[in-house]
N, C-alpha and C. Protein backbone atom coordinates (compact mmCIF):
# COMPACT_ATOMS: atom_id res chain seq x y z
N UNK A 1 -59.52 44.04 -29.95
CA UNK A 1 -59.46 42.81 -30.71
C UNK A 1 -59.25 41.60 -29.78
N UNK A 2 -58.35 41.70 -28.83
CA UNK A 2 -58.08 40.58 -27.94
C UNK A 2 -59.31 40.25 -27.10
N UNK A 3 -60.10 41.25 -26.73
CA UNK A 3 -61.28 41.01 -25.91
C UNK A 3 -62.29 40.11 -26.58
N UNK A 4 -62.31 40.07 -27.91
CA UNK A 4 -63.28 39.25 -28.61
C UNK A 4 -62.84 37.78 -28.73
N UNK A 5 -61.61 37.49 -28.37
CA UNK A 5 -61.13 36.11 -28.43
C UNK A 5 -61.66 35.32 -27.25
N UNK A 6 -61.91 34.04 -27.47
CA UNK A 6 -62.36 33.18 -26.37
C UNK A 6 -61.18 32.77 -25.51
N UNK A 7 -61.48 32.30 -24.30
CA UNK A 7 -60.43 31.81 -23.41
C UNK A 7 -59.68 30.67 -24.08
N UNK A 8 -60.42 29.78 -24.75
CA UNK A 8 -59.78 28.64 -25.42
C UNK A 8 -58.82 29.12 -26.49
N UNK A 9 -59.20 30.15 -27.25
CA UNK A 9 -58.33 30.68 -28.29
C UNK A 9 -57.06 31.26 -27.69
N UNK A 10 -57.23 32.01 -26.61
CA UNK A 10 -56.07 32.63 -25.96
C UNK A 10 -55.16 31.55 -25.39
N UNK A 11 -55.75 30.57 -24.70
CA UNK A 11 -54.94 29.49 -24.13
C UNK A 11 -54.24 28.69 -25.22
N UNK A 12 -54.96 28.41 -26.30
CA UNK A 12 -54.35 27.66 -27.41
C UNK A 12 -53.17 28.42 -27.97
N UNK A 13 -53.35 29.74 -28.15
CA UNK A 13 -52.25 30.56 -28.67
C UNK A 13 -51.09 30.58 -27.69
N UNK A 14 -51.39 30.71 -26.39
CA UNK A 14 -50.34 30.74 -25.37
C UNK A 14 -49.57 29.43 -25.35
N UNK A 15 -50.29 28.31 -25.40
CA UNK A 15 -49.63 27.00 -25.40
C UNK A 15 -48.79 26.84 -26.66
N UNK A 16 -49.33 27.25 -27.82
CA UNK A 16 -48.60 27.17 -29.07
C UNK A 16 -47.35 28.03 -29.01
N UNK A 17 -47.49 29.26 -28.53
CA UNK A 17 -46.35 30.17 -28.45
C UNK A 17 -45.28 29.63 -27.52
N UNK A 18 -45.71 29.13 -26.36
CA UNK A 18 -44.75 28.57 -25.40
C UNK A 18 -44.06 27.36 -26.00
N UNK A 19 -44.82 26.54 -26.71
CA UNK A 19 -44.25 25.36 -27.36
C UNK A 19 -43.21 25.73 -28.40
N UNK A 20 -43.50 26.77 -29.17
CA UNK A 20 -42.54 27.23 -30.17
C UNK A 20 -41.29 27.73 -29.48
N UNK A 21 -41.45 28.52 -28.41
CA UNK A 21 -40.31 29.04 -27.69
C UNK A 21 -39.48 27.92 -27.09
N UNK A 22 -40.15 26.94 -26.47
CA UNK A 22 -39.42 25.81 -25.89
C UNK A 22 -38.72 25.01 -26.97
N UNK A 23 -39.39 24.81 -28.08
CA UNK A 23 -38.79 24.05 -29.17
C UNK A 23 -37.55 24.75 -29.69
N UNK A 24 -37.58 26.08 -29.76
CA UNK A 24 -36.42 26.81 -30.25
C UNK A 24 -35.28 26.78 -29.23
N UNK A 25 -35.64 26.90 -27.93
CA UNK A 25 -34.61 26.94 -26.90
C UNK A 25 -34.06 25.56 -26.55
N UNK A 26 -34.91 24.57 -26.54
CA UNK A 26 -34.54 23.24 -26.09
C UNK A 26 -34.93 22.18 -27.11
N UNK A 27 -34.53 22.33 -28.32
CA UNK A 27 -34.91 21.40 -29.37
C UNK A 27 -34.45 19.99 -29.00
N UNK A 28 -35.38 19.04 -28.87
CA UNK A 28 -34.98 17.68 -28.53
C UNK A 28 -34.30 17.01 -29.73
N UNK A 29 -33.54 16.00 -29.42
CA UNK A 29 -32.91 15.23 -30.50
C UNK A 29 -34.02 14.62 -31.35
N UNK A 30 -33.86 14.55 -32.64
CA UNK A 30 -34.91 14.04 -33.52
C UNK A 30 -35.41 12.65 -33.14
N UNK A 31 -34.57 11.81 -32.58
CA UNK A 31 -34.97 10.44 -32.27
C UNK A 31 -35.49 10.30 -30.84
N UNK A 32 -35.64 11.42 -30.11
CA UNK A 32 -36.10 11.34 -28.73
C UNK A 32 -37.50 10.75 -28.67
N UNK A 33 -37.70 9.82 -27.74
CA UNK A 33 -39.00 9.20 -27.58
C UNK A 33 -39.71 9.79 -26.38
N UNK A 34 -41.00 9.90 -26.48
CA UNK A 34 -41.81 10.39 -25.38
C UNK A 34 -41.91 9.29 -24.32
N UNK A 35 -41.68 9.65 -23.07
CA UNK A 35 -41.81 8.70 -21.98
C UNK A 35 -43.29 8.45 -21.73
N UNK A 36 -43.67 7.20 -21.44
CA UNK A 36 -45.07 6.92 -21.12
C UNK A 36 -45.49 7.69 -19.86
N UNK A 37 -46.73 8.14 -19.85
CA UNK A 37 -47.28 8.84 -18.70
C UNK A 37 -48.58 8.20 -18.25
N UNK A 38 -49.14 8.68 -17.14
CA UNK A 38 -50.35 8.05 -16.62
C UNK A 38 -51.57 8.21 -17.52
N UNK A 39 -51.57 9.17 -18.42
CA UNK A 39 -52.72 9.35 -19.32
C UNK A 39 -52.65 8.42 -20.53
N UNK A 40 -51.53 7.76 -20.73
CA UNK A 40 -51.41 6.82 -21.84
C UNK A 40 -52.19 5.54 -21.52
N UNK A 41 -52.72 4.91 -22.54
CA UNK A 41 -53.30 3.59 -22.38
C UNK A 41 -54.79 3.52 -22.12
N UNK A 42 -55.47 4.64 -22.11
CA UNK A 42 -56.94 4.61 -21.92
C UNK A 42 -57.58 4.26 -23.26
N UNK A 43 -57.47 3.00 -23.65
CA UNK A 43 -57.87 2.60 -25.00
C UNK A 43 -59.12 1.72 -25.04
N UNK A 44 -59.55 1.18 -23.92
CA UNK A 44 -60.77 0.37 -23.90
C UNK A 44 -61.95 1.34 -23.92
N UNK A 45 -62.78 1.27 -24.96
CA UNK A 45 -63.87 2.24 -25.18
C UNK A 45 -65.21 1.56 -24.89
N UNK A 46 -65.89 2.04 -23.85
CA UNK A 46 -67.18 1.50 -23.44
C UNK A 46 -68.19 2.64 -23.44
N UNK A 47 -69.42 2.36 -23.85
CA UNK A 47 -70.45 3.39 -23.85
C UNK A 47 -71.64 2.89 -23.04
N UNK A 48 -72.11 3.72 -22.10
CA UNK A 48 -73.25 3.34 -21.26
C UNK A 48 -73.90 4.59 -20.67
N UNK A 49 -75.22 4.54 -20.46
CA UNK A 49 -75.90 5.64 -19.77
C UNK A 49 -75.75 5.50 -18.25
N UNK A 50 -76.09 6.55 -17.53
CA UNK A 50 -76.09 6.51 -16.07
C UNK A 50 -77.41 7.03 -15.55
N UNK A 51 -77.79 6.55 -14.36
CA UNK A 51 -78.99 7.04 -13.70
C UNK A 51 -78.54 7.94 -12.55
N UNK A 52 -79.02 9.18 -12.55
CA UNK A 52 -78.62 10.13 -11.53
C UNK A 52 -79.48 9.98 -10.28
N UNK A 53 -79.03 10.66 -9.22
CA UNK A 53 -79.68 10.56 -7.93
C UNK A 53 -81.17 10.92 -8.00
N UNK A 54 -81.53 11.82 -8.95
CA UNK A 54 -82.93 12.23 -9.07
C UNK A 54 -83.76 11.26 -9.92
N UNK A 55 -83.15 10.16 -10.36
CA UNK A 55 -83.85 9.14 -11.14
C UNK A 55 -83.81 9.34 -12.64
N UNK A 56 -83.24 10.46 -13.12
CA UNK A 56 -83.16 10.70 -14.56
C UNK A 56 -81.99 9.94 -15.16
N UNK A 57 -82.15 9.56 -16.42
CA UNK A 57 -81.09 8.85 -17.13
C UNK A 57 -80.37 9.85 -18.04
N UNK A 58 -79.05 9.85 -18.00
CA UNK A 58 -78.23 10.75 -18.80
C UNK A 58 -77.24 9.92 -19.62
N UNK A 59 -76.76 10.53 -20.68
CA UNK A 59 -75.76 9.86 -21.50
C UNK A 59 -76.35 9.39 -22.80
N UNK A 60 -75.72 8.45 -23.42
CA UNK A 60 -74.65 7.60 -22.90
C UNK A 60 -73.32 8.34 -22.79
N UNK A 61 -72.50 7.88 -21.87
CA UNK A 61 -71.17 8.43 -21.66
C UNK A 61 -70.14 7.50 -22.30
N UNK A 62 -69.11 8.11 -22.85
CA UNK A 62 -68.03 7.35 -23.46
C UNK A 62 -66.94 7.17 -22.41
N UNK A 63 -66.71 5.92 -22.05
CA UNK A 63 -65.72 5.54 -21.04
C UNK A 63 -64.45 5.12 -21.79
N UNK A 64 -63.33 5.70 -21.44
CA UNK A 64 -62.03 5.27 -21.97
C UNK A 64 -61.26 4.74 -20.77
N UNK A 65 -60.96 3.44 -20.81
CA UNK A 65 -60.49 2.74 -19.62
C UNK A 65 -59.13 2.08 -19.83
N UNK A 66 -58.48 1.84 -18.69
CA UNK A 66 -57.25 1.03 -18.67
C UNK A 66 -57.11 0.38 -17.31
N UNK A 67 -56.46 -0.75 -17.29
CA UNK A 67 -56.19 -1.43 -16.04
C UNK A 67 -55.00 -0.80 -15.34
N UNK A 68 -55.12 -0.61 -14.03
CA UNK A 68 -53.98 -0.08 -13.27
C UNK A 68 -53.45 -1.11 -12.28
N UNK A 69 -54.18 -2.21 -12.12
CA UNK A 69 -53.74 -3.35 -11.32
C UNK A 69 -54.61 -4.52 -11.74
N UNK A 70 -54.30 -5.72 -11.28
CA UNK A 70 -55.17 -6.86 -11.64
C UNK A 70 -56.60 -6.72 -11.13
N UNK A 71 -56.82 -5.90 -10.10
CA UNK A 71 -58.15 -5.76 -9.50
C UNK A 71 -58.87 -4.47 -9.84
N UNK A 72 -58.19 -3.52 -10.48
CA UNK A 72 -58.78 -2.19 -10.70
C UNK A 72 -58.61 -1.75 -12.15
N UNK A 73 -59.72 -1.29 -12.72
CA UNK A 73 -59.75 -0.65 -14.03
C UNK A 73 -60.24 0.76 -13.77
N UNK A 74 -59.57 1.76 -14.34
CA UNK A 74 -60.07 3.12 -14.16
C UNK A 74 -60.45 3.69 -15.51
N UNK A 75 -61.51 4.53 -15.49
CA UNK A 75 -62.06 5.05 -16.73
C UNK A 75 -62.26 6.56 -16.65
N UNK A 76 -61.96 7.23 -17.74
CA UNK A 76 -62.25 8.64 -17.92
C UNK A 76 -63.52 8.69 -18.75
N UNK A 77 -64.53 9.42 -18.30
CA UNK A 77 -65.82 9.45 -18.98
C UNK A 77 -66.06 10.81 -19.62
N UNK A 78 -66.45 10.77 -20.88
CA UNK A 78 -66.69 11.97 -21.66
C UNK A 78 -68.11 11.97 -22.18
N UNK A 79 -68.63 13.17 -22.48
CA UNK A 79 -70.00 13.29 -22.98
C UNK A 79 -70.12 12.93 -24.45
N UNK A 80 -69.00 12.85 -25.17
CA UNK A 80 -69.01 12.47 -26.58
C UNK A 80 -67.62 12.00 -26.96
N UNK A 81 -67.44 11.68 -28.24
CA UNK A 81 -66.12 11.28 -28.73
C UNK A 81 -65.38 12.44 -29.39
N UNK A 82 -65.94 13.63 -29.32
CA UNK A 82 -65.28 14.81 -29.88
C UNK A 82 -63.93 15.02 -29.19
N UNK A 83 -62.88 15.37 -29.93
CA UNK A 83 -61.57 15.58 -29.29
C UNK A 83 -61.58 16.61 -28.16
N UNK A 84 -62.53 17.54 -28.17
CA UNK A 84 -62.62 18.54 -27.11
C UNK A 84 -63.77 18.28 -26.14
N UNK A 85 -64.24 17.05 -26.08
CA UNK A 85 -65.35 16.70 -25.18
C UNK A 85 -64.93 16.91 -23.73
N UNK A 86 -65.89 17.28 -22.92
CA UNK A 86 -65.63 17.48 -21.49
C UNK A 86 -65.43 16.15 -20.78
N UNK A 87 -64.45 16.13 -19.89
CA UNK A 87 -64.27 15.01 -18.96
C UNK A 87 -65.30 15.23 -17.85
N UNK A 88 -66.35 14.42 -17.81
CA UNK A 88 -67.44 14.66 -16.88
C UNK A 88 -67.41 13.77 -15.65
N UNK A 89 -66.80 12.59 -15.77
CA UNK A 89 -66.84 11.61 -14.68
C UNK A 89 -65.55 10.80 -14.67
N UNK A 90 -65.33 10.15 -13.56
CA UNK A 90 -64.29 9.13 -13.42
C UNK A 90 -65.00 7.91 -12.84
N UNK A 91 -64.73 6.74 -13.39
CA UNK A 91 -65.31 5.52 -12.85
C UNK A 91 -64.22 4.50 -12.59
N UNK A 92 -64.37 3.79 -11.49
CA UNK A 92 -63.47 2.69 -11.16
C UNK A 92 -64.25 1.39 -11.24
N UNK A 93 -63.67 0.39 -11.89
CA UNK A 93 -64.17 -0.97 -11.90
C UNK A 93 -63.31 -1.69 -10.87
N UNK A 94 -63.94 -2.18 -9.81
CA UNK A 94 -63.22 -2.79 -8.69
C UNK A 94 -63.63 -4.25 -8.60
N UNK A 95 -62.66 -5.14 -8.54
CA UNK A 95 -62.97 -6.56 -8.40
C UNK A 95 -63.91 -6.77 -7.21
N UNK A 96 -64.93 -7.58 -7.43
CA UNK A 96 -65.90 -7.85 -6.36
C UNK A 96 -65.23 -8.42 -5.12
N UNK A 97 -64.13 -9.12 -5.29
CA UNK A 97 -63.42 -9.68 -4.14
C UNK A 97 -62.90 -8.58 -3.22
N UNK A 98 -62.72 -7.38 -3.74
CA UNK A 98 -62.28 -6.25 -2.93
C UNK A 98 -63.48 -5.42 -2.46
N UNK A 99 -64.32 -4.98 -3.41
CA UNK A 99 -65.41 -4.07 -3.05
C UNK A 99 -66.41 -4.72 -2.11
N UNK A 100 -66.65 -5.98 -2.24
CA UNK A 100 -67.65 -6.64 -1.39
C UNK A 100 -67.09 -6.96 0.00
N UNK A 101 -65.77 -6.99 0.10
CA UNK A 101 -65.14 -7.27 1.38
C UNK A 101 -64.78 -5.98 2.12
N UNK A 102 -64.32 -4.97 1.38
CA UNK A 102 -63.75 -3.78 2.02
C UNK A 102 -64.68 -2.56 2.07
N UNK A 103 -65.81 -2.59 1.37
CA UNK A 103 -66.74 -1.46 1.37
C UNK A 103 -67.97 -1.86 2.18
N UNK A 104 -68.31 -1.10 3.23
CA UNK A 104 -69.51 -1.44 4.01
C UNK A 104 -70.75 -1.48 3.11
N UNK A 105 -71.68 -2.37 3.43
CA UNK A 105 -72.88 -2.59 2.60
C UNK A 105 -73.66 -1.29 2.37
N UNK A 106 -73.82 -0.48 3.41
CA UNK A 106 -74.56 0.78 3.27
C UNK A 106 -73.87 1.70 2.25
N UNK A 107 -72.56 1.80 2.31
CA UNK A 107 -71.81 2.62 1.35
C UNK A 107 -71.87 2.00 -0.04
N UNK A 108 -71.77 0.67 -0.12
CA UNK A 108 -71.84 0.01 -1.42
C UNK A 108 -73.18 0.32 -2.08
N UNK A 109 -74.28 0.17 -1.35
CA UNK A 109 -75.61 0.42 -1.93
C UNK A 109 -75.80 1.86 -2.37
N UNK A 110 -75.13 2.79 -1.72
CA UNK A 110 -75.27 4.21 -2.07
C UNK A 110 -74.38 4.59 -3.27
N UNK A 111 -73.16 4.05 -3.33
CA UNK A 111 -72.19 4.53 -4.31
C UNK A 111 -71.81 3.54 -5.40
N UNK A 112 -71.93 2.25 -5.14
CA UNK A 112 -71.47 1.24 -6.08
C UNK A 112 -72.62 0.63 -6.87
N UNK A 113 -72.26 -0.04 -7.95
CA UNK A 113 -73.22 -0.82 -8.72
C UNK A 113 -72.52 -2.07 -9.26
N UNK A 114 -73.30 -3.09 -9.51
CA UNK A 114 -72.80 -4.38 -9.98
C UNK A 114 -72.75 -4.35 -11.50
N UNK A 115 -71.56 -4.51 -12.07
CA UNK A 115 -71.44 -4.48 -13.53
C UNK A 115 -72.11 -5.66 -14.21
N UNK A 116 -72.24 -6.79 -13.52
CA UNK A 116 -72.96 -7.92 -14.09
C UNK A 116 -74.42 -7.53 -14.34
N UNK A 117 -75.03 -6.86 -13.36
CA UNK A 117 -76.42 -6.40 -13.50
C UNK A 117 -76.51 -5.35 -14.61
N UNK A 118 -75.57 -4.42 -14.64
CA UNK A 118 -75.59 -3.37 -15.67
C UNK A 118 -75.44 -3.95 -17.07
N UNK A 119 -74.52 -4.86 -17.25
CA UNK A 119 -74.31 -5.47 -18.57
C UNK A 119 -75.55 -6.24 -19.01
N UNK A 120 -76.22 -6.89 -18.07
CA UNK A 120 -77.41 -7.68 -18.39
C UNK A 120 -78.57 -6.81 -18.91
N UNK A 121 -78.54 -5.50 -18.63
CA UNK A 121 -79.61 -4.62 -19.14
C UNK A 121 -79.53 -4.44 -20.65
N UNK A 122 -78.37 -4.75 -21.24
CA UNK A 122 -78.19 -4.56 -22.68
C UNK A 122 -77.86 -3.13 -23.07
N UNK A 123 -77.65 -2.26 -22.11
CA UNK A 123 -77.38 -0.85 -22.40
C UNK A 123 -75.89 -0.54 -22.52
N UNK A 124 -75.04 -1.49 -22.21
CA UNK A 124 -73.60 -1.28 -22.26
C UNK A 124 -73.08 -1.75 -23.61
N UNK A 125 -72.27 -0.93 -24.25
CA UNK A 125 -71.64 -1.31 -25.51
C UNK A 125 -70.13 -1.20 -25.37
N UNK A 126 -69.44 -2.23 -25.77
CA UNK A 126 -67.98 -2.19 -25.80
C UNK A 126 -67.61 -1.99 -27.26
N UNK A 127 -66.98 -0.85 -27.53
CA UNK A 127 -66.74 -0.40 -28.89
C UNK A 127 -65.30 -0.63 -29.34
N UNK A 128 -65.10 -0.47 -30.63
CA UNK A 128 -63.76 -0.46 -31.24
C UNK A 128 -63.02 -1.79 -31.13
N UNK A 129 -63.77 -2.90 -31.11
CA UNK A 129 -63.13 -4.23 -31.13
C UNK A 129 -64.13 -5.24 -31.69
N UNK A 130 -63.64 -6.37 -32.17
CA UNK A 130 -64.54 -7.41 -32.69
C UNK A 130 -65.52 -7.89 -31.62
N UNK A 131 -66.69 -8.33 -32.05
CA UNK A 131 -67.75 -8.74 -31.13
C UNK A 131 -67.31 -9.84 -30.17
N UNK A 132 -66.57 -10.81 -30.65
CA UNK A 132 -66.12 -11.91 -29.78
C UNK A 132 -65.21 -11.38 -28.67
N UNK A 133 -64.34 -10.46 -29.00
CA UNK A 133 -63.45 -9.87 -28.00
C UNK A 133 -64.25 -9.01 -27.02
N UNK A 134 -65.25 -8.28 -27.53
CA UNK A 134 -66.09 -7.45 -26.67
C UNK A 134 -66.83 -8.31 -25.65
N UNK A 135 -67.28 -9.50 -26.06
CA UNK A 135 -67.96 -10.41 -25.13
C UNK A 135 -67.01 -10.88 -24.03
N UNK A 136 -65.76 -11.13 -24.39
CA UNK A 136 -64.76 -11.53 -23.39
C UNK A 136 -64.53 -10.40 -22.38
N UNK A 137 -64.42 -9.18 -22.89
CA UNK A 137 -64.22 -8.03 -22.02
C UNK A 137 -65.42 -7.86 -21.09
N UNK A 138 -66.62 -8.01 -21.63
CA UNK A 138 -67.84 -7.89 -20.83
C UNK A 138 -67.86 -8.95 -19.72
N UNK A 139 -67.42 -10.15 -20.03
CA UNK A 139 -67.40 -11.23 -19.03
C UNK A 139 -66.45 -10.88 -17.88
N UNK A 140 -65.33 -10.28 -18.19
CA UNK A 140 -64.39 -9.86 -17.14
C UNK A 140 -64.98 -8.69 -16.35
N UNK A 141 -65.56 -7.71 -17.07
CA UNK A 141 -66.16 -6.55 -16.40
C UNK A 141 -67.30 -6.97 -15.47
N UNK A 142 -68.01 -8.01 -15.82
CA UNK A 142 -69.13 -8.49 -15.00
C UNK A 142 -68.66 -8.98 -13.63
N UNK A 143 -67.37 -9.21 -13.48
CA UNK A 143 -66.81 -9.66 -12.20
C UNK A 143 -66.40 -8.48 -11.32
N UNK A 144 -66.82 -7.25 -11.73
CA UNK A 144 -66.44 -6.06 -10.98
C UNK A 144 -67.67 -5.28 -10.55
N UNK A 145 -67.46 -4.41 -9.58
CA UNK A 145 -68.44 -3.41 -9.17
C UNK A 145 -67.89 -2.06 -9.61
N UNK A 146 -68.77 -1.11 -9.88
CA UNK A 146 -68.35 0.21 -10.32
C UNK A 146 -68.73 1.29 -9.34
N UNK A 147 -67.90 2.32 -9.29
CA UNK A 147 -68.21 3.53 -8.54
C UNK A 147 -67.88 4.71 -9.44
N UNK A 148 -68.85 5.62 -9.58
CA UNK A 148 -68.72 6.77 -10.48
C UNK A 148 -68.66 8.05 -9.66
N UNK A 149 -67.75 8.93 -10.05
CA UNK A 149 -67.64 10.26 -9.48
C UNK A 149 -67.98 11.24 -10.60
N UNK A 150 -69.16 11.86 -10.52
CA UNK A 150 -69.63 12.80 -11.53
C UNK A 150 -69.11 14.18 -11.15
N UNK A 151 -68.25 14.76 -12.01
CA UNK A 151 -67.51 15.97 -11.68
C UNK A 151 -68.05 17.24 -12.31
N UNK A 152 -68.76 17.11 -13.43
CA UNK A 152 -69.21 18.30 -14.17
C UNK A 152 -70.71 18.19 -14.37
N UNK A 153 -71.50 18.94 -13.61
CA UNK A 153 -72.95 18.83 -13.73
C UNK A 153 -73.44 19.11 -15.15
N UNK A 154 -74.41 18.32 -15.59
CA UNK A 154 -74.99 18.51 -16.93
C UNK A 154 -75.55 19.91 -17.05
N UNK A 155 -75.22 20.58 -18.15
CA UNK A 155 -75.72 21.92 -18.43
C UNK A 155 -74.91 23.04 -17.78
N UNK A 156 -74.01 22.71 -16.86
CA UNK A 156 -73.19 23.74 -16.21
C UNK A 156 -72.08 24.19 -17.17
N UNK A 157 -71.74 25.47 -17.10
CA UNK A 157 -70.67 26.02 -17.94
C UNK A 157 -69.29 25.67 -17.39
N UNK A 158 -69.24 25.28 -16.12
CA UNK A 158 -67.97 24.90 -15.49
C UNK A 158 -68.29 23.95 -14.34
N UNK A 159 -67.31 23.15 -13.91
CA UNK A 159 -67.54 22.32 -12.73
C UNK A 159 -67.86 23.21 -11.52
N UNK A 160 -68.73 22.74 -10.67
CA UNK A 160 -69.17 23.54 -9.52
C UNK A 160 -68.52 23.11 -8.22
N UNK A 161 -67.83 22.00 -8.23
CA UNK A 161 -67.26 21.46 -7.00
C UNK A 161 -68.14 20.41 -6.35
N UNK A 162 -69.36 20.29 -6.82
CA UNK A 162 -70.28 19.27 -6.32
C UNK A 162 -69.96 17.96 -7.03
N UNK A 163 -69.75 16.91 -6.27
CA UNK A 163 -69.47 15.60 -6.85
C UNK A 163 -70.69 14.72 -6.62
N UNK A 164 -71.21 14.17 -7.72
CA UNK A 164 -72.35 13.26 -7.64
C UNK A 164 -71.90 11.83 -7.80
N UNK A 165 -72.79 10.91 -7.50
CA UNK A 165 -72.50 9.48 -7.63
C UNK A 165 -73.64 8.80 -8.36
N UNK A 166 -73.71 8.99 -9.69
CA UNK A 166 -74.76 8.31 -10.43
C UNK A 166 -74.58 6.79 -10.38
N UNK A 167 -75.64 6.09 -10.70
CA UNK A 167 -75.65 4.63 -10.70
C UNK A 167 -75.80 4.12 -12.12
N UNK A 168 -75.65 2.84 -12.26
CA UNK A 168 -75.96 2.22 -13.54
C UNK A 168 -77.48 2.14 -13.66
N UNK A 169 -77.96 2.14 -14.89
CA UNK A 169 -79.39 1.93 -15.11
C UNK A 169 -79.64 0.45 -14.76
N UNK A 170 -80.62 0.19 -13.93
CA UNK A 170 -80.90 -1.17 -13.49
C UNK A 170 -80.23 -1.53 -12.18
N UNK A 171 -79.62 -0.54 -11.50
CA UNK A 171 -78.95 -0.79 -10.23
C UNK A 171 -79.88 -1.46 -9.22
N UNK A 172 -79.35 -2.43 -8.52
CA UNK A 172 -80.10 -3.14 -7.48
C UNK A 172 -79.28 -3.12 -6.20
N UNK A 173 -79.95 -2.80 -5.09
CA UNK A 173 -79.27 -2.82 -3.80
C UNK A 173 -78.99 -4.25 -3.39
N UNK A 174 -77.86 -4.43 -2.72
CA UNK A 174 -77.49 -5.73 -2.16
C UNK A 174 -78.05 -5.83 -0.76
N UNK A 175 -78.31 -7.05 -0.32
CA UNK A 175 -78.77 -7.25 1.05
C UNK A 175 -77.71 -7.89 1.93
N UNK A 176 -76.69 -8.46 1.32
CA UNK A 176 -75.57 -9.04 2.09
C UNK A 176 -74.32 -9.06 1.27
């Protein structure tokens, strides 16, 4: 019987069982508050496709983003909005004042893309907020460059360890 269960089912049961055991052994006070963690706050929802190294377009990917400094926004990218969607990519939005000064041009052209150019294609959607606010967010994002780390190859049953660097659709190389 156990052999017919999926890994997810077994892990879910194990996590549930451990949680029950911990709750019985170490029941927190009813008013205890959860401390904020690094995964909290990824609430900015952006949707956009990516162009892979072979020239094919994939997605759109759902980006859930948060600012971690005045110059950096980091995003977790998923293949859908399903609660069990795979985390396929990580993207950083880096202020142009940093990326254009600190990243060599050859590396920038290979790994980075200009969000102003990407937004101008009309393929980027900022979701879950009023249109006027989305336009303000887009204006701020246009002042950044992006770098994507693709972690889970499309169609693969598991990550392979190969990290790709897709670009935005409409990516243009810089000359200076």
